[in-house]
Amino acid sequence: MPRLKNPNRRAALLEKQKAIQTQLRNIDRQEKQSARKDDTRGKIIIGGIARAEMQKNPQGPLALRLRELMLEFVEPRDRHLFPFLPALQDAAPQPSAPVEVTGTGNAETKGGFYQIPDTQ
């Protein structure tokens, strides 16, 4: 390969640098996308385990704690996914009353306590 003159060599190196930077950005994007997919898959697996435990042992400590957390953190737009959670208005404050779990069979609030339905 003939030796390039300084201006041509510089332009060629800058072009290579630009191509390498593009490749690095693509690799970063792919790694980020892969990490997001792995994170989502992990959440799905953990959610499946938690749901199975809630169905298998609805009065167990894990199921009770998960229901408490769901009462506090599940947003109003997502509550339809969990029929045992009471519907909330968007502007309504989060419940601060203690959670009492009973097997009434109906999802309703009585006296500030949420009644958890039987899942069996």
Protein backbone atom coordinates (compact mmCIF):
# COMPACT_ATOMS: atom_id res chain seq x y z
CA MET A 1 0.00 0.00 0.00
CA PRO A 2 1.47 3.32 -0.98
CA ARG A 3 2.11 5.80 1.73
CA LEU A 4 -0.70 8.38 1.89
CA LYS A 5 0.04 12.02 2.00
CA ASN A 6 -0.73 13.70 5.32
CA PRO A 7 -4.12 15.30 4.39
CA ASN A 8 -5.38 12.09 2.76
CA ARG A 9 -4.12 9.95 5.62
CA ARG A 10 -5.83 12.17 8.16
CA ALA A 11 -9.13 12.05 6.29
CA ALA A 12 -8.91 8.25 6.00
CA LEU A 13 -8.17 7.88 9.73
CA LEU A 14 -11.03 10.23 10.63
CA GLU A 15 -13.36 8.16 8.48
CA LYS A 16 -12.18 4.96 10.19
CA GLN A 17 -12.66 6.63 13.57
CA LYS A 18 -16.20 7.61 12.63
CA ALA A 19 -16.98 4.04 11.51
CA ILE A 20 -15.53 2.60 14.72
CA GLN A 21 -17.56 5.05 16.85
CA THR A 22 -20.72 3.99 15.00
CA GLN A 23 -19.88 0.33 15.64
CA LEU A 24 -19.26 1.04 19.34
CA ARG A 25 -22.61 2.85 19.63
CA ASN A 26 -24.34 -0.14 18.00
CA ILE A 27 -22.64 -2.54 20.42
CA ASP A 28 -23.64 -0.35 23.39
CA ARG A 29 -27.23 -0.21 22.15
CA GLN A 30 -27.35 -4.00 21.70
CA GLU A 31 -25.88 -4.61 25.17
CA LYS A 32 -28.38 -2.21 26.72
CA GLN A 33 -31.28 -3.87 24.88
CA SER A 34 -30.07 -7.31 25.95
CA ALA A 35 -29.80 -6.19 29.59
CA ARG A 36 -33.37 -4.81 29.45
CA LYS A 37 -34.64 -8.10 28.00
CA ASP A 38 -32.83 -10.08 30.71
CA ASP A 39 -34.24 -7.80 33.40
CA THR A 40 -37.76 -8.19 32.02
CA ARG A 41 -37.39 -11.98 31.82
CA GLY A 42 -36.21 -12.08 35.43
CA LYS A 43 -39.22 -10.05 36.53
CA ILE A 44 -41.56 -12.39 34.65
CA ILE A 45 -40.00 -15.44 36.29
CA ILE A 46 -40.15 -13.92 39.79
CA GLY A 47 -43.73 -12.80 39.17
CA GLY A 48 -44.69 -16.30 38.06
CA ILE A 49 -43.15 -17.81 41.18
CA ALA A 50 -44.91 -15.26 43.40
CA ARG A 51 -48.26 -15.81 41.69
CA ALA A 52 -47.94 -19.60 41.97
CA GLU A 53 -47.13 -19.29 45.68
CA MET A 54 -50.12 -16.98 46.24
CA GLN A 55 -52.41 -19.53 44.57
CA LYS A 56 -50.86 -22.51 46.32
CA ASN A 57 -50.76 -20.97 49.81
CA PRO A 58 -53.03 -17.86 49.83
CA GLN A 59 -52.76 -17.35 53.59
CA GLY A 60 -48.99 -17.92 53.76
CA PRO A 61 -46.62 -15.16 54.86
CA LEU A 62 -45.31 -14.53 51.34
CA ALA A 63 -48.80 -14.23 49.86
CA LEU A 64 -49.94 -11.91 52.65
CA ARG A 65 -46.90 -9.67 52.28
CA LEU A 66 -47.26 -9.56 48.50
CA ARG A 67 -50.89 -8.47 48.85
CA GLU A 68 -49.84 -5.70 51.25
CA LEU A 69 -47.21 -4.51 48.77
CA MET A 70 -49.67 -4.72 45.89
CA LEU A 71 -52.21 -2.64 47.80
CA GLU A 72 -49.56 0.02 48.23
CA PHE A 73 -47.75 -0.02 44.91
CA VAL A 74 -50.04 -1.24 42.11
CA GLU A 75 -51.17 1.83 40.20
CA PRO A 76 -54.86 2.44 39.47
CA ARG A 77 -54.40 1.78 35.74
CA ASP A 78 -53.06 -1.72 36.52
CA ARG A 79 -55.51 -2.80 39.22
CA HIS A 80 -57.80 -4.55 36.74
CA LEU A 81 -55.03 -7.16 36.38
CA PHE A 82 -55.56 -8.21 40.01
CA PRO A 83 -59.28 -8.74 40.74
CA PHE A 84 -58.71 -8.99 44.51
CA LEU A 85 -57.37 -5.39 44.67
CA PRO A 86 -59.85 -2.57 45.16
CA ALA A 87 -60.03 -0.01 42.36
CA LEU A 88 -58.54 3.38 43.20
CA GLN A 89 -59.02 6.76 41.62
CA ASP A 90 -55.87 8.33 40.15
CA ALA A 91 -55.91 11.20 42.66
CA ALA A 92 -56.74 9.03 45.68
CA PRO A 93 -54.04 8.73 48.34
CA GLN A 94 -52.41 5.35 48.94
CA PRO A 95 -53.95 3.33 51.80
CA SER A 96 -52.19 3.75 55.12
CA ALA A 97 -54.51 1.55 57.20
CA PRO A 98 -53.23 -1.87 58.28
CA VAL A 99 -54.21 -4.80 56.10
CA GLU A 100 -56.45 -7.45 57.62
CA VAL A 101 -56.79 -10.65 55.65
CA THR A 102 -59.95 -12.70 55.81
CA GLY A 103 -61.51 -15.32 53.59
CA THR A 104 -64.79 -13.59 52.76
CA GLY A 105 -64.81 -14.58 49.09
CA ASN A 106 -65.57 -10.99 47.96
CA ALA A 107 -63.12 -8.18 47.35
CA GLU A 108 -64.40 -5.22 49.35
CA THR A 109 -63.30 -2.73 51.95
CA LYS A 110 -64.96 -2.77 55.37
CA GLY A 111 -64.02 -0.47 58.21
CA GLY A 112 -60.75 0.59 56.57
CA PHE A 113 -59.55 -3.01 56.16
CA TYR A 114 -59.28 -4.82 52.89
CA GLN A 115 -60.98 -8.18 52.72
CA ILE A 116 -58.91 -10.66 50.67
CA PRO A 117 -61.04 -13.22 48.76
CA ASP A 118 -60.37 -16.94 48.91
CA THR A 119 -58.50 -18.06 45.80
CA GLN A 120 -59.38 -21.74 46.12
